[in-house]
Amino acid sequence: MPGLVPLSFDWDGTEVMVVTPVGSPCGRNLRETGRARLGIGEFRDVVMVDASAREVSTDDVPEEQWQHYIERCDWDPRTERPDYAVYFLRPERIQAWREANEIPGRTVMRDGAWLT
């Protein structure tokens, strides 16, 4: 069943990198559906991201990308057990708002393209 769970992430400007245990419900949902919904921010300053998800093994992530993730998250999942999987989430729709008056213009990306 889909759910919202806290995950560390790194954003490279194109994709969001997240890491979760291979056998976790989150990992299974990402693997089975190829879809993700991210909630980023605080309760009054929200960004919602609908994204496609692709799984890669920890060995297939370039070292430079790992270093960005480790610096941002202060954690290297390659050194821990159980085994972890890496997911790259490519935003398709992004919505952002703070107050009710911002709801009409909250969609800032649609079909993977930024709106002006």
PDB file of N, CA and C in Angstrom:
ATOM      1  N   MET A   1       0.841  -1.175   0.000  1.00  0.00           N
ATOM      2  CA  MET A   1       0.000   0.000   0.000  1.00  0.00           C
ATOM      3  C   MET A   1       0.888   1.242   0.000  1.00  0.00           C
ATOM      4  N   PRO A   2       0.605   2.210  -0.877  1.00  0.00           N
ATOM      5  CA  PRO A   2       1.404   3.435  -0.922  1.00  0.00           C
ATOM      6  C   PRO A   2       1.296   4.212   0.381  1.00  0.00           C
ATOM      7  N   GLY A   3       2.366   4.910   0.698  1.00  0.00           N
ATOM      8  CA  GLY A   3       2.375   5.737   1.894  1.00  0.00           C
ATOM      9  C   GLY A   3       3.477   6.762   1.802  1.00  0.00           C
ATOM     10  N   LEU A   4       3.453   7.701   2.722  1.00  0.00           N
ATOM     11  CA  LEU A   4       4.457   8.752   2.776  1.00  0.00           C
ATOM     12  C   LEU A   4       5.423   8.421   3.896  1.00  0.00           C
ATOM     13  N   VAL A   5       6.707   8.285   3.556  1.00  0.00           N
ATOM     14  CA  VAL A   5       7.726   7.963   4.548  1.00  0.00           C
ATOM     15  C   VAL A   5       8.870   8.972   4.427  1.00  0.00           C
ATOM     16  N   PRO A   6       9.523   9.282   5.534  1.00  0.00           N
ATOM     17  CA  PRO A   6      10.650  10.222   5.462  1.00  0.00           C
ATOM     18  C   PRO A   6      11.878   9.546   4.863  1.00  0.00           C
ATOM     19  N   LEU A   7      12.468  10.173   3.866  1.00  0.00           N
ATOM     20  CA  LEU A   7      13.683   9.676   3.230  1.00  0.00           C
ATOM     21  C   LEU A   7      14.642  10.838   3.004  1.00  0.00           C
ATOM     22  N   SER A   8      15.916  10.573   3.179  1.00  0.00           N
ATOM     23  CA  SER A   8      16.930  11.542   2.780  1.00  0.00           C
ATOM     24  C   SER A   8      16.960  11.566   1.264  1.00  0.00           C
ATOM     25  N   PHE A   9      17.308  12.724   0.694  1.00  0.00           N
ATOM     26  CA  PHE A   9      17.331  12.822  -0.767  1.00  0.00           C
ATOM     27  C   PHE A   9      18.385  13.808  -1.217  1.00  0.00           C
ATOM     28  N   ASP A  10      18.751  13.671  -2.478  1.00  0.00           N
ATOM     29  CA  ASP A  10      19.637  14.635  -3.119  1.00  0.00           C
ATOM     30  C   ASP A  10      19.041  14.973  -4.478  1.00  0.00           C
ATOM     31  N   TRP A  11      19.006  16.252  -4.800  1.00  0.00           N
ATOM     32  CA  TRP A  11      18.442  16.754  -6.050  1.00  0.00           C
ATOM     33  C   TRP A  11      19.587  17.298  -6.885  1.00  0.00           C
ATOM     34  N   ASP A  12      19.748  16.772  -8.106  1.00  0.00           N
ATOM     35  CA  ASP A  12      20.839  17.229  -8.969  1.00  0.00           C
ATOM     36  C   ASP A  12      20.371  18.233 -10.022  1.00  0.00           C
ATOM     37  N   GLY A  13      19.136  18.674  -9.924  1.00  0.00           N
ATOM     38  CA  GLY A  13      18.574  19.602 -10.894  1.00  0.00           C
ATOM     39  C   GLY A  13      17.737  18.913 -11.958  1.00  0.00           C
ATOM     40  N   THR A  14      17.865  17.589 -12.047  1.00  0.00           N
ATOM     41  CA  THR A  14      17.095  16.810 -13.014  1.00  0.00           C
ATOM     42  C   THR A  14      16.310  15.699 -12.333  1.00  0.00           C
ATOM     43  N   GLU A  15      16.975  14.998 -11.409  1.00  0.00           N
ATOM     44  CA  GLU A  15      16.352  13.876 -10.711  1.00  0.00           C
ATOM     45  C   GLU A  15      16.620  13.967  -9.217  1.00  0.00           C
ATOM     46  N   VAL A  16      15.723  13.368  -8.451  1.00  0.00           N
ATOM     47  CA  VAL A  16      15.880  13.245  -7.007  1.00  0.00           C
ATOM     48  C   VAL A  16      16.387  11.833  -6.731  1.00  0.00           C
ATOM     49  N   MET A  17      17.472  11.728  -5.986  1.00  0.00           N
ATOM     50  CA  MET A  17      18.029  10.421  -5.613  1.00  0.00           C
ATOM     51  C   MET A  17      17.591  10.103  -4.195  1.00  0.00           C
ATOM     52  N   VAL A  18      16.945   8.947  -4.016  1.00  0.00           N
ATOM     53  CA  VAL A  18      16.564   8.466  -2.692  1.00  0.00           C
ATOM     54  C   VAL A  18      17.092   7.047  -2.530  1.00  0.00           C
ATOM     55  N   VAL A  19      17.284   6.650  -1.279  1.00  0.00           N
ATOM     56  CA  VAL A  19      17.803   5.317  -0.969  1.00  0.00           C
ATOM     57  C   VAL A  19      16.915   4.719   0.108  1.00  0.00           C
ATOM     58  N   THR A  20      16.532   3.463  -0.074  1.00  0.00           N
ATOM     59  CA  THR A  20      15.684   2.780   0.901  1.00  0.00           C
ATOM     60  C   THR A  20      16.033   1.287   0.889  1.00  0.00           C
ATOM     61  N   PRO A  21      15.802   0.584   1.997  1.00  0.00           N
ATOM     62  CA  PRO A  21      16.100  -0.852   1.985  1.00  0.00           C
ATOM     63  C   PRO A  21      15.362  -1.569   0.855  1.00  0.00           C
ATOM     64  N   VAL A  22      16.039  -2.514   0.229  1.00  0.00           N
ATOM     65  CA  VAL A  22      15.475  -3.254  -0.898  1.00  0.00           C
ATOM     66  C   VAL A  22      14.113  -3.849  -0.545  1.00  0.00           C
ATOM     67  N   GLY A  23      13.982  -4.451   0.648  1.00  0.00           N
ATOM     68  CA  GLY A  23      12.748  -5.141   1.016  1.00  0.00           C
ATOM     69  C   GLY A  23      11.712  -4.295   1.718  1.00  0.00           C
ATOM     70  N   SER A  24      11.942  -2.992   1.825  1.00  0.00           N
ATOM     71  CA  SER A  24      10.988  -2.136   2.539  1.00  0.00           C
ATOM     72  C   SER A  24       9.712  -1.940   1.714  1.00  0.00           C
ATOM     73  N   PRO A  25       8.593  -1.606   2.375  1.00  0.00           N
ATOM     74  CA  PRO A  25       7.368  -1.301   1.618  1.00  0.00           C
ATOM     75  C   PRO A  25       7.589  -0.169   0.609  1.00  0.00           C
ATOM     76  N   CYS A  26       8.357   0.844   0.994  1.00  0.00           N
ATOM     77  CA  CYS A  26       8.633   1.952   0.079  1.00  0.00           C
ATOM     78  C   CYS A  26       9.376   1.449  -1.149  1.00  0.00           C
ATOM     79  N   GLY A  27      10.425   0.654  -0.942  1.00  0.00           N
ATOM     80  CA  GLY A  27      11.186   0.104  -2.059  1.00  0.00           C
ATOM     81  C   GLY A  27      10.328  -0.764  -2.964  1.00  0.00           C
ATOM     82  N   ARG A  28       9.505  -1.597  -2.368  1.00  0.00           N
ATOM     83  CA  ARG A  28       8.620  -2.458  -3.175  1.00  0.00           C
ATOM     84  C   ARG A  28       7.649  -1.615  -4.003  1.00  0.00           C
ATOM     85  N   ASN A  29       7.058  -0.588  -3.387  1.00  0.00           N
ATOM     86  CA  ASN A  29       6.112   0.258  -4.123  1.00  0.00           C
ATOM     87  C   ASN A  29       6.791   0.983  -5.281  1.00  0.00           C
ATOM     88  N   LEU A  30       7.978   1.529  -5.042  1.00  0.00           N
ATOM     89  CA  LEU A  30       8.694   2.218  -6.114  1.00  0.00           C
ATOM     90  C   LEU A  30       9.037   1.254  -7.243  1.00  0.00           C
ATOM     91  N   ARG A  31       9.502   0.075  -6.881  1.00  0.00           N
ATOM     92  CA  ARG A  31       9.889  -0.932  -7.873  1.00  0.00           C
ATOM     93  C   ARG A  31       8.682  -1.416  -8.676  1.00  0.00           C
ATOM     94  N   GLU A  32       7.567  -1.699  -8.001  1.00  0.00           N
ATOM     95  CA  GLU A  32       6.392  -2.267  -8.666  1.00  0.00           C
ATOM     96  C   GLU A  32       5.624  -1.260  -9.505  1.00  0.00           C
ATOM     97  N   THR A  33       5.537  -0.015  -9.041  1.00  0.00           N
ATOM     98  CA  THR A  33       4.728   0.974  -9.754  1.00  0.00           C
ATOM     99  C   THR A  33       5.535   1.877 -10.672  1.00  0.00           C
ATOM    100  N   GLY A  34       6.818   2.078 -10.358  1.00  0.00           N
ATOM    101  CA  GLY A  34       7.617   3.020 -11.133  1.00  0.00           C
ATOM    102  C   GLY A  34       7.157   4.449 -10.951  1.00  0.00           C
ATOM    103  N   ARG A  35       6.428   4.715  -9.848  1.00  0.00           N
ATOM    104  CA  ARG A  35       5.866   6.047  -9.569  1.00  0.00           C
ATOM    105  C   ARG A  35       6.196   6.464  -8.149  1.00  0.00           C
ATOM    106  N   ALA A  36       6.259   7.768  -7.926  1.00  0.00           N
ATOM    107  CA  ALA A  36       6.495   8.299  -6.586  1.00  0.00           C
ATOM    108  C   ALA A  36       5.783   9.630  -6.434  1.00  0.00           C
ATOM    109  N   ARG A  37       5.419   9.935  -5.203  1.00  0.00           N
ATOM    110  CA  ARG A  37       4.925  11.268  -4.845  1.00  0.00           C
ATOM    111  C   ARG A  37       5.759  11.725  -3.660  1.00  0.00           C
ATOM    112  N   LEU A  38       6.402  12.872  -3.830  1.00  0.00           N
ATOM    113  CA  LEU A  38       7.241  13.440  -2.780  1.00  0.00           C
ATOM    114  C   LEU A  38       6.540  14.641  -2.172  1.00  0.00           C
ATOM    115  N   GLY A  39       6.607  14.732  -0.861  1.00  0.00           N
ATOM    116  CA  GLY A  39       6.160  15.917  -0.150  1.00  0.00           C
ATOM    117  C   GLY A  39       7.392  16.540   0.475  1.00  0.00           C
ATOM    118  N   ILE A  40       7.749  17.744   0.043  1.00  0.00           N
ATOM    119  CA  ILE A  40       8.968  18.397   0.513  1.00  0.00           C
ATOM    120  C   ILE A  40       8.592  19.713   1.167  1.00  0.00           C
ATOM    121  N   GLY A  41       9.199  19.981   2.305  1.00  0.00           N
ATOM    122  CA  GLY A  41       8.986  21.259   2.966  1.00  0.00           C
ATOM    123  C   GLY A  41       8.301  21.100   4.299  1.00  0.00           C
ATOM    124  N   GLU A  42       7.831  22.217   4.782  1.00  0.00           N
ATOM    125  CA  GLU A  42       7.144  22.249   6.055  1.00  0.00           C
ATOM    126  C   GLU A  42       5.647  22.367   5.814  1.00  0.00           C
ATOM    127  N   PHE A  43       4.882  22.263   6.866  1.00  0.00           N
ATOM    128  CA  PHE A  43       3.431  22.197   6.711  1.00  0.00           C
ATOM    129  C   PHE A  43       2.817  23.441   6.095  1.00  0.00           C
ATOM    130  N   ARG A  44       3.482  24.602   6.151  1.00  0.00           N
ATOM    131  CA  ARG A  44       2.919  25.812   5.548  1.00  0.00           C
ATOM    132  C   ARG A  44       3.656  26.233   4.288  1.00  0.00           C
ATOM    133  N   ASP A  45       4.643  25.479   3.865  1.00  0.00           N
ATOM    134  CA  ASP A  45       5.414  25.822   2.672  1.00  0.00           C
ATOM    135  C   ASP A  45       5.719  24.512   1.964  1.00  0.00           C
ATOM    136  N   VAL A  46       4.795  24.070   1.117  1.00  0.00           N
ATOM    137  CA  VAL A  46       4.779  22.700   0.617  1.00  0.00           C
ATOM    138  C   VAL A  46       5.149  22.635  -0.862  1.00  0.00           C
ATOM    139  N   VAL A  47       5.933  21.627  -1.212  1.00  0.00           N
ATOM    140  CA  VAL A  47       6.194  21.277  -2.599  1.00  0.00           C
ATOM    141  C   VAL A  47       5.789  19.818  -2.758  1.00  0.00           C
ATOM    142  N   MET A  48       4.892  19.545  -3.706  1.00  0.00           N
ATOM    143  CA  MET A  48       4.470  18.182  -4.011  1.00  0.00           C
ATOM    144  C   MET A  48       5.014  17.835  -5.386  1.00  0.00           C
ATOM    145  N   VAL A  49       5.686  16.689  -5.472  1.00  0.00           N
ATOM    146  CA  VAL A  49       6.310  16.255  -6.719  1.00  0.00           C
ATOM    147  C   VAL A  49       5.757  14.889  -7.103  1.00  0.00           C
ATOM    148  N   ASP A  50       5.168  14.786  -8.276  1.00  0.00           N
ATOM    149  CA  ASP A  50       4.784  13.498  -8.851  1.00  0.00           C
ATOM    150  C   ASP A  50       5.890  13.132  -9.834  1.00  0.00           C
ATOM    151  N   ALA A  51       6.423  11.904  -9.706  1.00  0.00           N
ATOM    152  CA  ALA A  51       7.605  11.552 -10.479  1.00  0.00           C
ATOM    153  C   ALA A  51       7.566  10.104 -10.951  1.00  0.00           C
ATOM    154  N   SER A  52       8.299   9.838 -12.019  1.00  0.00           N
ATOM    155  CA  SER A  52       8.575   8.460 -12.414  1.00  0.00           C
ATOM    156  C   SER A  52       9.779   8.000 -11.590  1.00  0.00           C
ATOM    157  N   ALA A  53       9.861   6.699 -11.355  1.00  0.00           N
ATOM    158  CA  ALA A  53      10.935   6.152 -10.521  1.00  0.00           C
ATOM    159  C   ALA A  53      11.638   5.028 -11.255  1.00  0.00           C
ATOM    160  N   ARG A  54      12.961   5.037 -11.177  1.00  0.00           N
ATOM    161  CA  ARG A  54      13.727   3.917 -11.711  1.00  0.00           C
ATOM    162  C   ARG A  54      14.712   3.465 -10.641  1.00  0.00           C
ATOM    163  N   GLU A  55      14.827   2.159 -10.498  1.00  0.00           N
ATOM    164  CA  GLU A  55      15.706   1.567  -9.489  1.00  0.00           C
ATOM    165  C   GLU A  55      17.061   1.243 -10.104  1.00  0.00           C
ATOM    166  N   VAL A  56      18.109   1.501  -9.349  1.00  0.00           N
ATOM    167  CA  VAL A  56      19.457   1.084  -9.740  1.00  0.00           C
ATOM    168  C   VAL A  56      20.136   0.486  -8.514  1.00  0.00           C
ATOM    169  N   SER A  57      21.101  -0.368  -8.738  1.00  0.00           N
ATOM    170  CA  SER A  57      21.846  -0.933  -7.613  1.00  0.00           C
ATOM    171  C   SER A  57      22.827   0.114  -7.101  1.00  0.00           C
ATOM    172  N   THR A  58      23.226  -0.042  -5.866  1.00  0.00           N
ATOM    173  CA  THR A  58      24.185   0.906  -5.294  1.00  0.00           C
ATOM    174  C   THR A  58      25.489   0.907  -6.080  1.00  0.00           C
ATOM    175  N   ASP A  59      25.840  -0.206  -6.713  1.00  0.00           N
ATOM    176  CA  ASP A  59      27.083  -0.294  -7.496  1.00  0.00           C
ATOM    177  C   ASP A  59      27.016   0.496  -8.801  1.00  0.00           C
ATOM    178  N   ASP A  60      25.814   0.806  -9.275  1.00  0.00           N
ATOM    179  CA  ASP A  60      25.660   1.487 -10.558  1.00  0.00           C
ATOM    180  C   ASP A  60      25.563   3.002 -10.454  1.00  0.00           C
ATOM    181  N   VAL A  61      25.679   3.542  -9.242  1.00  0.00           N
ATOM    182  CA  VAL A  61      25.637   4.986  -9.056  1.00  0.00           C
ATOM    183  C   VAL A  61      27.068   5.511  -9.161  1.00  0.00           C
ATOM    184  N   PRO A  62      27.308   6.499 -10.033  1.00  0.00           N
ATOM    185  CA  PRO A  62      28.662   7.054 -10.148  1.00  0.00           C
ATOM    186  C   PRO A  62      29.150   7.619  -8.807  1.00  0.00           C
ATOM    187  N   GLU A  63      30.434   7.494  -8.550  1.00  0.00           N
ATOM    188  CA  GLU A  63      31.012   7.925  -7.276  1.00  0.00           C
ATOM    189  C   GLU A  63      30.748   9.404  -6.992  1.00  0.00           C
ATOM    190  N   GLU A  64      30.810  10.240  -8.006  1.00  0.00           N
ATOM    191  CA  GLU A  64      30.556  11.670  -7.799  1.00  0.00           C
ATOM    192  C   GLU A  64      29.136  11.910  -7.294  1.00  0.00           C
ATOM    193  N   GLN A  65      28.189  11.144  -7.820  1.00  0.00           N
ATOM    194  CA  GLN A  65      26.803  11.274  -7.373  1.00  0.00           C
ATOM    195  C   GLN A  65      26.658  10.792  -5.931  1.00  0.00           C
ATOM    196  N   TRP A  66      27.366   9.703  -5.589  1.00  0.00           N
ATOM    197  CA  TRP A  66      27.354   9.229  -4.204  1.00  0.00           C
ATOM    198  C   TRP A  66      27.893  10.309  -3.280  1.00  0.00           C
ATOM    199  N   GLN A  67      28.956  10.952  -3.668  1.00  0.00           N
ATOM    200  CA  GLN A  67      29.556  11.972  -2.803  1.00  0.00           C
ATOM    201  C   GLN A  67      28.589  13.125  -2.559  1.00  0.00           C
ATOM    202  N   HIS A  68      27.842  13.538  -3.575  1.00  0.00           N
ATOM    203  CA  HIS A  68      26.824  14.587  -3.380  1.00  0.00           C
ATOM    204  C   HIS A  68      25.774  14.123  -2.372  1.00  0.00           C
ATOM    205  N   TYR A  69      25.307  12.887  -2.540  1.00  0.00           N
ATOM    206  CA  TYR A  69      24.288  12.342  -1.632  1.00  0.00           C
ATOM    207  C   TYR A  69      24.831  12.285  -0.198  1.00  0.00           C
ATOM    208  N   ILE A  70      26.028  11.767  -0.036  1.00  0.00           N
ATOM    209  CA  ILE A  70      26.628  11.618   1.302  1.00  0.00           C
ATOM    210  C   ILE A  70      26.804  12.982   1.968  1.00  0.00           C
ATOM    211  N   GLU A  71      27.268  13.970   1.219  1.00  0.00           N
ATOM    212  CA  GLU A  71      27.435  15.316   1.778  1.00  0.00           C
ATOM    213  C   GLU A  71      26.096  15.913   2.190  1.00  0.00           C
ATOM    214  N   ARG A  72      25.094  15.759   1.347  1.00  0.00           N
ATOM    215  CA  ARG A  72      23.768  16.338   1.639  1.00  0.00           C
ATOM    216  C   ARG A  72      23.085  15.634   2.808  1.00  0.00           C
ATOM    217  N   CYS A  73      23.203  14.299   2.851  1.00  0.00           N
ATOM    218  CA  CYS A  73      22.434  13.507   3.810  1.00  0.00           C
ATOM    219  C   CYS A  73      23.239  13.079   5.028  1.00  0.00           C
ATOM    220  N   ASP A  74      24.549  13.267   4.983  1.00  0.00           N
ATOM    221  CA  ASP A  74      25.429  12.870   6.083  1.00  0.00           C
ATOM    222  C   ASP A  74      25.277  11.382   6.400  1.00  0.00           C
ATOM    223  N   TRP A  75      25.230  10.567   5.334  1.00  0.00           N
ATOM    224  CA  TRP A  75      25.006   9.135   5.509  1.00  0.00           C
ATOM    225  C   TRP A  75      25.412   8.405   4.238  1.00  0.00           C
ATOM    226  N   ASP A  76      26.123   7.294   4.393  1.00  0.00           N
ATOM    227  CA  ASP A  76      26.521   6.464   3.262  1.00  0.00           C
ATOM    228  C   ASP A  76      25.879   5.086   3.417  1.00  0.00           C
ATOM    229  N   PRO A  77      24.764   4.837   2.739  1.00  0.00           N
ATOM    230  CA  PRO A  77      24.050   3.568   2.891  1.00  0.00           C
ATOM    231  C   PRO A  77      24.833   2.359   2.390  1.00  0.00           C
ATOM    232  N   ARG A  78      25.882   2.567   1.616  1.00  0.00           N
ATOM    233  CA  ARG A  78      26.679   1.446   1.108  1.00  0.00           C
ATOM    234  C   ARG A  78      27.415   0.724   2.229  1.00  0.00           C
ATOM    235  N   THR A  79      27.551   1.386   3.372  1.00  0.00           N
ATOM    236  CA  THR A  79      28.293   0.792   4.495  1.00  0.00           C
ATOM    237  C   THR A  79      27.377   0.073   5.472  1.00  0.00           C
ATOM    238  N   GLU A  80      26.103   0.013   5.191  1.00  0.00           N
ATOM    239  CA  GLU A  80      25.136  -0.542   6.146  1.00  0.00           C
ATOM    240  C   GLU A  80      24.396  -1.743   5.576  1.00  0.00           C
ATOM    241  N   ARG A  81      23.782  -2.462   6.450  1.00  0.00           N
ATOM    242  CA  ARG A  81      22.920  -3.583   6.096  1.00  0.00           C
ATOM    243  C   ARG A  81      21.570  -3.323   6.722  1.00  0.00           C
ATOM    244  N   PRO A  82      20.443  -3.737   6.178  1.00  0.00           N
ATOM    245  CA  PRO A  82      20.308  -4.615   5.014  1.00  0.00           C
ATOM    246  C   PRO A  82      20.727  -3.906   3.729  1.00  0.00           C
ATOM    247  N   ASP A  83      20.644  -4.622   2.634  1.00  0.00           N
ATOM    248  CA  ASP A  83      20.991  -4.033   1.343  1.00  0.00           C
ATOM    249  C   ASP A  83      20.012  -2.924   0.995  1.00  0.00           C
ATOM    250  N   TYR A  84      20.544  -1.892   0.389  1.00  0.00           N
ATOM    251  CA  TYR A  84      19.743  -0.744  -0.010  1.00  0.00           C
ATOM    252  C   TYR A  84      19.656  -0.674  -1.530  1.00  0.00           C
ATOM    253  N   ALA A  85      18.571  -0.097  -2.009  1.00  0.00           N
ATOM    254  CA  ALA A  85      18.399   0.188  -3.425  1.00  0.00           C
ATOM    255  C   ALA A  85      18.330   1.697  -3.594  1.00  0.00           C
ATOM    256  N   VAL A  86      18.769   2.135  -4.739  1.00  0.00           N
ATOM    257  CA  VAL A  86      18.748   3.556  -5.070  1.00  0.00           C
ATOM    258  C   VAL A  86      17.652   3.772  -6.108  1.00  0.00           C
ATOM    259  N   TYR A  87      16.901   4.841  -5.923  1.00  0.00           N
ATOM    260  CA  TYR A  87      15.850   5.203  -6.873  1.00  0.00           C
ATOM    261  C   TYR A  87      16.100   6.623  -7.347  1.00  0.00           C
ATOM    262  N   PHE A  88      16.010   6.790  -8.651  1.00  0.00           N
ATOM    263  CA  PHE A  88      16.075   8.112  -9.236  1.00  0.00           C
ATOM    264  C   PHE A  88      14.661   8.494  -9.644  1.00  0.00           C
ATOM    265  N   LEU A  89      14.200   9.605  -9.111  1.00  0.00           N
ATOM    266  CA  LEU A  89      12.834  10.081  -9.329  1.00  0.00           C
ATOM    267  C   LEU A  89      12.887  11.286 -10.254  1.00  0.00           C
ATOM    268  N   ARG A  90      12.258  11.160 -11.402  1.00  0.00           N
ATOM    269  CA  ARG A  90      12.245  12.250 -12.388  1.00  0.00           C
ATOM    270  C   ARG A  90      10.902  12.966 -12.291  1.00  0.00           C
ATOM    271  N   PRO A  91      10.917  14.228 -11.857  1.00  0.00           N
ATOM    272  CA  PRO A  91       9.659  14.969 -11.713  1.00  0.00           C
ATOM    273  C   PRO A  91       8.899  15.098 -13.017  1.00  0.00           C
ATOM    274  N   GLU A  92       7.588  14.890 -12.910  1.00  0.00           N
ATOM    275  CA  GLU A  92       6.690  15.095 -14.042  1.00  0.00           C
ATOM    276  C   GLU A  92       5.721  16.228 -13.757  1.00  0.00           C
ATOM    277  N   ARG A  93       5.341  16.360 -12.490  1.00  0.00           N
ATOM    278  CA  ARG A  93       4.477  17.475 -12.076  1.00  0.00           C
ATOM    279  C   ARG A  93       4.978  17.965 -10.729  1.00  0.00           C
ATOM    280  N   ILE A  94       5.103  19.277 -10.603  1.00  0.00           N
ATOM    281  CA  ILE A  94       5.502  19.885  -9.330  1.00  0.00           C
ATOM    282  C   ILE A  94       4.475  20.947  -8.988  1.00  0.00           C
ATOM    283  N   GLN A  95       4.016  20.902  -7.759  1.00  0.00           N
ATOM    284  CA  GLN A  95       3.112  21.926  -7.239  1.00  0.00           C
ATOM    285  C   GLN A  95       3.753  22.530  -5.992  1.00  0.00           C
ATOM    286  N   ALA A  96       3.621  23.837  -5.852  1.00  0.00           N
ATOM    287  CA  ALA A  96       4.198  24.525  -4.700  1.00  0.00           C
ATOM    288  C   ALA A  96       3.227  25.599  -4.221  1.00  0.00           C
ATOM    289  N   TRP A  97       3.021  25.665  -2.924  1.00  0.00           N
ATOM    290  CA  TRP A  97       2.182  26.711  -2.354  1.00  0.00           C
ATOM    291  C   TRP A  97       2.428  26.851  -0.866  1.00  0.00           C
ATOM    292  N   ARG A  98       2.030  28.005  -0.353  1.00  0.00           N
ATOM    293  CA  ARG A  98       2.182  28.303   1.069  1.00  0.00           C
ATOM    294  C   ARG A  98       0.829  28.597   1.708  1.00  0.00           C
ATOM    295  N   GLU A  99       0.022  29.352   1.063  1.00  0.00           N
ATOM    296  CA  GLU A  99      -1.264  29.782   1.616  1.00  0.00           C
ATOM    297  C   GLU A  99      -2.379  29.479   0.608  1.00  0.00           C
ATOM    298  N   ALA A 100      -3.602  29.580   1.055  1.00  0.00           N
ATOM    299  CA  ALA A 100      -4.761  29.291   0.199  1.00  0.00           C
ATOM    300  C   ALA A 100      -4.780  30.158  -1.055  1.00  0.00           C
ATOM    301  N   ASN A 101      -4.313  31.405  -0.956  1.00  0.00           N
ATOM    302  CA  ASN A 101      -4.348  32.290  -2.125  1.00  0.00           C
ATOM    303  C   ASN A 101      -3.380  31.846  -3.222  1.00  0.00           C
ATOM    304  N   GLU A 102      -2.445  30.926  -2.927  1.00  0.00           N
ATOM    305  CA  GLU A 102      -1.491  30.440  -3.918  1.00  0.00           C
ATOM    306  C   GLU A 102      -1.951  29.142  -4.590  1.00  0.00           C
ATOM    307  N   ILE A 103      -3.063  28.579  -4.160  1.00  0.00           N
ATOM    308  CA  ILE A 103      -3.528  27.309  -4.713  1.00  0.00           C
ATOM    309  C   ILE A 103      -3.798  27.399  -6.217  1.00  0.00           C
ATOM    310  N   PRO A 104      -4.455  28.471  -6.742  1.00  0.00           N
ATOM    311  CA  PRO A 104      -4.714  28.497  -8.191  1.00  0.00           C
ATOM    312  C   PRO A 104      -3.451  28.408  -9.059  1.00  0.00           C
ATOM    313  N   GLY A 105      -2.316  28.943  -8.641  1.00  0.00           N
ATOM    314  CA  GLY A 105      -1.098  28.924  -9.444  1.00  0.00           C
ATOM    315  C   GLY A 105      -0.064  27.934  -8.948  1.00  0.00           C
ATOM    316  N   ARG A 106      -0.480  26.911  -8.223  1.00  0.00           N
ATOM    317  CA  ARG A 106       0.467  26.024  -7.556  1.00  0.00           C
ATOM    318  C   ARG A 106       1.224  25.086  -8.475  1.00  0.00           C
ATOM    319  N   THR A 107       0.695  24.777  -9.661  1.00  0.00           N
ATOM    320  CA  THR A 107       1.396  23.871 -10.571  1.00  0.00           C
ATOM    321  C   THR A 107       2.491  24.647 -11.282  1.00  0.00           C
ATOM    322  N   VAL A 108       3.748  24.261 -11.051  1.00  0.00           N
ATOM    323  CA  VAL A 108       4.890  24.937 -11.648  1.00  0.00           C
ATOM    324  C   VAL A 108       5.606  24.062 -12.675  1.00  0.00           C
ATOM    325  N   MET A 109       5.275  22.743 -12.715  1.00  0.00           N
ATOM    326  CA  MET A 109       5.785  21.838 -13.742  1.00  0.00           C
ATOM    327  C   MET A 109       4.668  20.899 -14.148  1.00  0.00           C
ATOM    328  N   ARG A 110       4.554  20.663 -15.442  1.00  0.00           N
ATOM    329  CA  ARG A 110       3.563  19.717 -15.960  1.00  0.00           C
ATOM    330  C   ARG A 110       4.204  18.934 -17.098  1.00  0.00           C
ATOM    331  N   ASP A 111       3.987  17.608 -17.114  1.00  0.00           N
ATOM    332  CA  ASP A 111       4.553  16.722 -18.130  1.00  0.00           C
ATOM    333  C   ASP A 111       6.059  16.894 -18.266  1.00  0.00           C
ATOM    334  N   GLY A 112       6.727  17.145 -17.138  1.00  0.00           N
ATOM    335  CA  GLY A 112       8.180  17.255 -17.117  1.00  0.00           C
ATOM    336  C   GLY A 112       8.737  18.584 -17.599  1.00  0.00           C
ATOM    337  N   ALA A 113       7.860  19.547 -17.895  1.00  0.00           N
ATOM    338  CA  ALA A 113       8.316  20.855 -18.391  1.00  0.00           C
ATOM    339  C   ALA A 113       7.911  21.947 -17.412  1.00  0.00           C
ATOM    340  N   TRP A 114       8.850  22.852 -17.122  1.00  0.00           N
ATOM    341  CA  TRP A 114       8.549  23.979 -16.241  1.00  0.00           C
ATOM    342  C   TRP A 114       7.556  24.903 -16.918  1.00  0.00           C
ATOM    343  N   LEU A 115       6.597  25.395 -16.160  1.00  0.00           N
ATOM    344  CA  LEU A 115       5.613  26.355 -16.676  1.00  0.00           C
ATOM    345  C   LEU A 115       6.118  27.752 -16.392  1.00  0.00           C
ATOM    346  N   THR A 116       5.758  28.695 -17.250  1.00  0.00           N
ATOM    347  CA  THR A 116       6.188  30.078 -17.033  1.00  0.00           C
ATOM    348  C   THR A 116       5.060  30.901 -16.486  1.00  0.00           C
TER     349      THR A 116
END
